[in-house]
Amino acid sequence: PAGTLDQATVFAAMPHRERKKAPRFFRGLGALFAGRAHLRQGGSSAMAMMALADGSLCAYWGISQAPWDYAAGSLIAREAGLAVPSRLLTHALKTQDVLICPKPLAPSLSRLLA
């Protein structure tokens, strides 16, 4: 796993149903790009979290993700030792923002995407 942002490959999931959150999403993409992260988008969120668990992806970030997008994958990512916010597992029936990554990247990515 990457130890710094410029070594990280980040999967970014766009908020499809809540267009009002699009400006925040694009600001976050700009911040990731400026931090020299490698960006990926598209496909299944659950598959992206599986790639996190096996180490082929460094972070998953999504705004307004539905529970079916993150519930199973976040549990697998947590079991793999990644930083998974506990609210994802305790409030798994809510649409919410999601950031899952290796623990060393969590503080810098959280600040960058706040």
N, C-alpha and C. Protein backbone atom coordinates (compact mmCIF):
# COMPACT_ATOMS: atom_id res chain seq x y z
N PRO A 1 0.81 -1.20 0.00
CA PRO A 1 0.00 0.00 0.00
C PRO A 1 0.85 1.26 0.00
N ALA A 2 0.31 2.30 -0.57
CA ALA A 2 1.02 3.58 -0.64
C ALA A 2 1.11 4.20 0.75
N GLY A 3 2.23 4.84 1.01
CA GLY A 3 2.39 5.54 2.28
C GLY A 3 2.17 7.04 2.16
N THR A 4 2.20 7.55 0.93
CA THR A 4 1.98 8.97 0.70
C THR A 4 0.98 9.15 -0.43
N LEU A 5 0.38 10.33 -0.47
CA LEU A 5 -0.66 10.61 -1.46
C LEU A 5 -0.15 10.49 -2.89
N ASP A 6 1.07 10.92 -3.13
CA ASP A 6 1.57 10.88 -4.51
C ASP A 6 1.86 9.46 -4.99
N GLN A 7 1.81 8.48 -4.10
CA GLN A 7 1.96 7.08 -4.47
C GLN A 7 0.62 6.35 -4.51
N ALA A 8 -0.46 7.03 -4.11
CA ALA A 8 -1.76 6.38 -3.93
C ALA A 8 -2.58 6.36 -5.21
N THR A 9 -3.29 5.26 -5.42
CA THR A 9 -4.31 5.16 -6.46
C THR A 9 -5.65 5.19 -5.74
N VAL A 10 -6.46 6.20 -6.04
CA VAL A 10 -7.71 6.45 -5.33
C VAL A 10 -8.89 6.22 -6.27
N PHE A 11 -9.85 5.41 -5.85
CA PHE A 11 -11.10 5.22 -6.58
C PHE A 11 -12.06 6.29 -6.09
N ALA A 12 -12.58 7.10 -6.99
CA ALA A 12 -13.50 8.18 -6.64
C ALA A 12 -14.88 7.88 -7.21
N ALA A 13 -15.87 7.76 -6.33
CA ALA A 13 -17.24 7.44 -6.74
C ALA A 13 -18.09 8.71 -6.75
N MET A 14 -18.61 9.06 -7.89
CA MET A 14 -19.40 10.27 -8.07
C MET A 14 -20.79 10.12 -7.44
N PRO A 15 -21.30 11.21 -6.82
CA PRO A 15 -22.65 11.16 -6.26
C PRO A 15 -23.69 11.24 -7.38
N HIS A 16 -24.27 10.11 -7.75
CA HIS A 16 -25.18 10.08 -8.89
C HIS A 16 -26.54 10.69 -8.59
N ARG A 17 -27.09 10.46 -7.44
CA ARG A 17 -28.46 10.88 -7.14
C ARG A 17 -28.54 12.28 -6.54
N GLU A 18 -27.47 12.80 -6.04
CA GLU A 18 -27.51 14.09 -5.37
C GLU A 18 -26.60 15.07 -6.10
N ARG A 19 -27.13 15.62 -7.17
CA ARG A 19 -26.35 16.53 -8.02
C ARG A 19 -25.87 17.76 -7.25
N LYS A 20 -26.58 18.17 -6.22
CA LYS A 20 -26.15 19.34 -5.46
C LYS A 20 -24.81 19.13 -4.78
N LYS A 21 -24.40 17.88 -4.63
CA LYS A 21 -23.10 17.58 -4.02
C LYS A 21 -21.98 17.48 -5.04
N ALA A 22 -22.30 17.63 -6.31
CA ALA A 22 -21.29 17.54 -7.36
C ALA A 22 -20.17 18.56 -7.19
N PRO A 23 -20.45 19.84 -6.86
CA PRO A 23 -19.34 20.79 -6.69
C PRO A 23 -18.33 20.33 -5.64
N ARG A 24 -18.82 19.77 -4.52
CA ARG A 24 -17.90 19.27 -3.48
C ARG A 24 -17.08 18.10 -4.01
N PHE A 25 -17.72 17.23 -4.78
CA PHE A 25 -17.00 16.10 -5.38
C PHE A 25 -15.87 16.59 -6.28
N PHE A 26 -16.17 17.57 -7.13
CA PHE A 26 -15.15 18.07 -8.06
C PHE A 26 -14.04 18.83 -7.33
N ARG A 27 -14.38 19.52 -6.24
CA ARG A 27 -13.31 20.14 -5.41
C ARG A 27 -12.40 19.06 -4.85
N GLY A 28 -13.00 17.97 -4.36
CA GLY A 28 -12.19 16.86 -3.84
C GLY A 28 -11.31 16.24 -4.90
N LEU A 29 -11.87 16.06 -6.11
CA LEU A 29 -11.05 15.53 -7.21
C LEU A 29 -9.88 16.46 -7.50
N GLY A 30 -10.14 17.77 -7.50
CA GLY A 30 -9.07 18.74 -7.74
C GLY A 30 -7.99 18.65 -6.68
N ALA A 31 -8.40 18.49 -5.43
CA ALA A 31 -7.44 18.37 -4.33
C ALA A 31 -6.61 17.10 -4.47
N LEU A 32 -7.26 16.00 -4.83
CA LEU A 32 -6.53 14.74 -5.04
C LEU A 32 -5.54 14.88 -6.20
N PHE A 33 -6.01 15.49 -7.28
CA PHE A 33 -5.16 15.68 -8.45
C PHE A 33 -3.96 16.58 -8.12
N ALA A 34 -4.22 17.66 -7.39
CA ALA A 34 -3.13 18.57 -6.99
C ALA A 34 -2.14 17.87 -6.07
N GLY A 35 -2.65 16.91 -5.27
CA GLY A 35 -1.77 16.14 -4.38
C GLY A 35 -1.06 15.01 -5.10
N ARG A 36 -1.26 14.93 -6.42
CA ARG A 36 -0.60 13.97 -7.31
C ARG A 36 -1.03 12.52 -7.08
N ALA A 37 -2.26 12.34 -6.57
CA ALA A 37 -2.79 10.98 -6.45
C ALA A 37 -3.17 10.47 -7.84
N HIS A 38 -3.13 9.19 -8.03
CA HIS A 38 -3.57 8.56 -9.27
C HIS A 38 -5.06 8.27 -9.09
N LEU A 39 -5.89 8.73 -10.01
CA LEU A 39 -7.34 8.62 -9.85
C LEU A 39 -7.92 7.54 -10.75
N ARG A 40 -8.94 6.85 -10.23
CA ARG A 40 -9.70 5.86 -10.98
C ARG A 40 -11.17 6.11 -10.68
N GLN A 41 -12.03 5.86 -11.67
CA GLN A 41 -13.46 6.02 -11.44
C GLN A 41 -14.22 5.02 -12.30
N GLY A 42 -15.37 4.64 -11.82
CA GLY A 42 -16.23 3.77 -12.60
C GLY A 42 -16.26 2.35 -12.06
N GLY A 43 -17.29 1.64 -12.42
CA GLY A 43 -17.42 0.26 -11.99
C GLY A 43 -18.08 0.14 -10.63
N SER A 44 -17.96 -1.00 -10.06
CA SER A 44 -18.62 -1.35 -8.81
C SER A 44 -17.83 -0.86 -7.60
N SER A 45 -18.52 -0.21 -6.69
CA SER A 45 -17.88 0.21 -5.44
C SER A 45 -17.42 -0.99 -4.63
N ALA A 46 -18.24 -2.03 -4.60
CA ALA A 46 -17.86 -3.24 -3.86
C ALA A 46 -16.58 -3.85 -4.44
N MET A 47 -16.46 -3.87 -5.76
CA MET A 47 -15.24 -4.41 -6.38
C MET A 47 -14.04 -3.52 -6.07
N ALA A 48 -14.25 -2.21 -6.01
CA ALA A 48 -13.15 -1.30 -5.66
C ALA A 48 -12.68 -1.58 -4.24
N MET A 49 -13.62 -1.85 -3.33
CA MET A 49 -13.23 -2.15 -1.95
C MET A 49 -12.53 -3.50 -1.85
N MET A 50 -12.87 -4.42 -2.71
CA MET A 50 -12.14 -5.70 -2.75
C MET A 50 -10.71 -5.45 -3.23
N ALA A 51 -10.55 -4.54 -4.20
CA ALA A 51 -9.20 -4.19 -4.67
C ALA A 51 -8.41 -3.52 -3.54
N LEU A 52 -9.08 -2.76 -2.69
CA LEU A 52 -8.42 -2.20 -1.50
C LEU A 52 -7.92 -3.33 -0.60
N ALA A 53 -8.79 -4.29 -0.37
CA ALA A 53 -8.43 -5.39 0.53
C ALA A 53 -7.25 -6.20 0.03
N ASP A 54 -7.13 -6.35 -1.31
CA ASP A 54 -5.99 -7.13 -1.82
C ASP A 54 -4.77 -6.27 -2.13
N GLY A 55 -4.86 -4.96 -1.89
CA GLY A 55 -3.71 -4.07 -2.05
C GLY A 55 -3.50 -3.51 -3.43
N SER A 56 -4.39 -3.79 -4.39
CA SER A 56 -4.18 -3.25 -5.73
C SER A 56 -4.77 -1.86 -5.91
N LEU A 57 -5.47 -1.36 -4.92
CA LEU A 57 -6.01 0.00 -4.90
C LEU A 57 -5.69 0.58 -3.53
N CYS A 58 -5.42 1.88 -3.46
CA CYS A 58 -4.97 2.47 -2.20
C CYS A 58 -6.06 3.16 -1.39
N ALA A 59 -7.11 3.65 -2.04
CA ALA A 59 -8.15 4.34 -1.29
C ALA A 59 -9.45 4.33 -2.08
N TYR A 60 -10.55 4.43 -1.34
CA TYR A 60 -11.89 4.55 -1.93
C TYR A 60 -12.52 5.78 -1.32
N TRP A 61 -13.05 6.67 -2.16
CA TRP A 61 -13.71 7.88 -1.68
C TRP A 61 -14.98 8.08 -2.47
N GLY A 62 -16.09 8.27 -1.79
CA GLY A 62 -17.36 8.51 -2.46
C GLY A 62 -18.25 9.41 -1.63
N ILE A 63 -19.02 10.24 -2.30
CA ILE A 63 -19.96 11.15 -1.64
C ILE A 63 -21.36 10.59 -1.84
N SER A 64 -22.15 10.62 -0.79
CA SER A 64 -23.56 10.18 -0.81
C SER A 64 -23.70 8.77 -1.35
N GLN A 65 -22.95 7.86 -0.80
CA GLN A 65 -23.02 6.47 -1.22
C GLN A 65 -24.17 5.76 -0.51
N ALA A 66 -24.92 4.98 -1.25
CA ALA A 66 -26.02 4.21 -0.69
C ALA A 66 -25.45 2.99 0.04
N PRO A 67 -26.19 2.48 1.02
CA PRO A 67 -25.68 1.33 1.79
C PRO A 67 -25.29 0.14 0.92
N TRP A 68 -26.03 -0.11 -0.14
CA TRP A 68 -25.69 -1.26 -0.99
C TRP A 68 -24.38 -1.04 -1.74
N ASP A 69 -23.90 0.21 -1.79
CA ASP A 69 -22.62 0.50 -2.43
C ASP A 69 -21.44 0.22 -1.50
N TYR A 70 -21.65 0.38 -0.19
CA TYR A 70 -20.50 0.30 0.70
C TYR A 70 -20.57 -0.75 1.81
N ALA A 71 -21.74 -1.27 2.14
CA ALA A 71 -21.87 -2.11 3.34
C ALA A 71 -20.96 -3.34 3.33
N ALA A 72 -21.10 -4.20 2.35
CA ALA A 72 -20.30 -5.44 2.32
C ALA A 72 -18.82 -5.15 2.10
N GLY A 73 -18.53 -4.26 1.16
CA GLY A 73 -17.13 -3.95 0.86
C GLY A 73 -16.40 -3.32 2.03
N SER A 74 -17.10 -2.47 2.80
CA SER A 74 -16.44 -1.83 3.94
C SER A 74 -16.12 -2.84 5.04
N LEU A 75 -16.96 -3.82 5.21
CA LEU A 75 -16.68 -4.88 6.19
C LEU A 75 -15.45 -5.69 5.78
N ILE A 76 -15.37 -6.04 4.50
CA ILE A 76 -14.21 -6.78 3.99
C ILE A 76 -12.94 -5.93 4.13
N ALA A 77 -13.04 -4.64 3.80
CA ALA A 77 -11.88 -3.75 3.92
C ALA A 77 -11.43 -3.65 5.38
N ARG A 78 -12.37 -3.57 6.30
CA ARG A 78 -12.02 -3.50 7.73
C ARG A 78 -11.30 -4.78 8.16
N GLU A 79 -11.80 -5.91 7.73
CA GLU A 79 -11.17 -7.19 8.08
C GLU A 79 -9.76 -7.28 7.50
N ALA A 80 -9.50 -6.56 6.41
CA ALA A 80 -8.17 -6.54 5.80
C ALA A 80 -7.24 -5.55 6.49
N GLY A 81 -7.74 -4.86 7.53
CA GLY A 81 -6.89 -3.96 8.30
C GLY A 81 -6.87 -2.53 7.83
N LEU A 82 -7.79 -2.15 6.94
CA LEU A 82 -7.84 -0.78 6.44
C LEU A 82 -8.62 0.12 7.40
N ALA A 83 -8.40 1.42 7.26
CA ALA A 83 -9.12 2.40 8.08
C ALA A 83 -10.52 2.55 7.52
N VAL A 84 -11.50 2.08 8.27
CA VAL A 84 -12.91 2.16 7.88
C VAL A 84 -13.64 2.88 9.01
N PRO A 85 -14.27 4.03 8.72
CA PRO A 85 -15.00 4.73 9.79
C PRO A 85 -16.06 3.81 10.41
N SER A 86 -16.11 3.78 11.74
CA SER A 86 -17.03 2.88 12.43
C SER A 86 -18.49 3.20 12.10
N ARG A 87 -18.79 4.44 11.74
CA ARG A 87 -20.17 4.80 11.42
C ARG A 87 -20.68 4.04 10.20
N LEU A 88 -19.78 3.60 9.31
CA LEU A 88 -20.22 2.82 8.15
C LEU A 88 -20.79 1.48 8.58
N LEU A 89 -20.27 0.94 9.65
CA LEU A 89 -20.73 -0.36 10.11
C LEU A 89 -21.87 -0.24 11.11
N THR A 90 -21.95 0.87 11.84
CA THR A 90 -23.01 1.03 12.83
C THR A 90 -24.25 1.73 12.28
N HIS A 91 -24.10 2.48 11.22
CA HIS A 91 -25.23 3.17 10.59
C HIS A 91 -25.33 2.73 9.13
N ALA A 92 -25.32 1.44 8.91
CA ALA A 92 -25.21 0.91 7.54
C ALA A 92 -26.49 1.03 6.72
N LEU A 93 -27.52 1.65 7.25
CA LEU A 93 -28.74 1.82 6.47
C LEU A 93 -28.91 3.26 5.99
N LYS A 94 -27.87 4.05 6.11
CA LYS A 94 -27.93 5.46 5.70
C LYS A 94 -27.06 5.71 4.48
N THR A 95 -27.49 6.67 3.67
CA THR A 95 -26.63 7.17 2.60
C THR A 95 -25.60 8.08 3.26
N GLN A 96 -24.34 7.88 2.95
CA GLN A 96 -23.30 8.70 3.58
C GLN A 96 -22.03 8.76 2.75
N ASP A 97 -21.16 9.69 3.14
CA ASP A 97 -19.86 9.81 2.50
C ASP A 97 -18.96 8.70 3.00
N VAL A 98 -18.08 8.23 2.13
CA VAL A 98 -17.25 7.08 2.45
C VAL A 98 -15.79 7.37 2.09
N LEU A 99 -14.88 7.13 3.02
CA LEU A 99 -13.45 7.16 2.75
C LEU A 99 -12.85 5.94 3.43
N ILE A 100 -12.27 5.05 2.63
CA ILE A 100 -11.62 3.85 3.15
C ILE A 100 -10.21 3.82 2.56
N CYS A 101 -9.22 3.63 3.42
CA CYS A 101 -7.83 3.64 2.96
C CYS A 101 -6.95 3.00 4.02
N PRO A 102 -5.67 2.79 3.70
CA PRO A 102 -4.73 2.31 4.72
C PRO A 102 -4.63 3.33 5.86
N LYS A 103 -4.43 2.87 7.05
CA LYS A 103 -4.39 3.76 8.22
C LYS A 103 -3.38 4.90 8.09
N PRO A 104 -2.18 4.69 7.52
CA PRO A 104 -1.23 5.80 7.40
C PRO A 104 -1.73 6.95 6.49
N LEU A 105 -2.59 6.64 5.52
CA LEU A 105 -3.11 7.66 4.61
C LEU A 105 -4.35 8.36 5.14
N ALA A 106 -5.03 7.76 6.12
CA ALA A 106 -6.32 8.28 6.58
C ALA A 106 -6.27 9.74 7.04
N PRO A 107 -5.33 10.16 7.88
CA PRO A 107 -5.35 11.56 8.32
C PRO A 107 -5.19 12.56 7.18
N SER A 108 -4.23 12.32 6.28
CA SER A 108 -4.00 13.28 5.19
C SER A 108 -5.15 13.30 4.19
N LEU A 109 -5.70 12.14 3.87
CA LEU A 109 -6.84 12.10 2.94
C LEU A 109 -8.08 12.71 3.58
N SER A 110 -8.32 12.47 4.84
CA SER A 110 -9.48 13.07 5.53
C SER A 110 -9.40 14.58 5.51
N ARG A 111 -8.23 15.13 5.80
CA ARG A 111 -8.05 16.59 5.77
C ARG A 111 -8.24 17.12 4.35
N LEU A 112 -7.66 16.45 3.39
CA LEU A 112 -7.72 16.91 2.00
C LEU A 112 -9.14 16.93 1.46
N LEU A 113 -9.95 15.96 1.85
CA LEU A 113 -11.29 15.81 1.30
C LEU A 113 -12.40 16.39 2.18
N ALA A 114 -12.01 17.03 3.28
CA ALA A 114 -13.02 17.62 4.20
C ALA A 114 -13.75 18.77 3.55
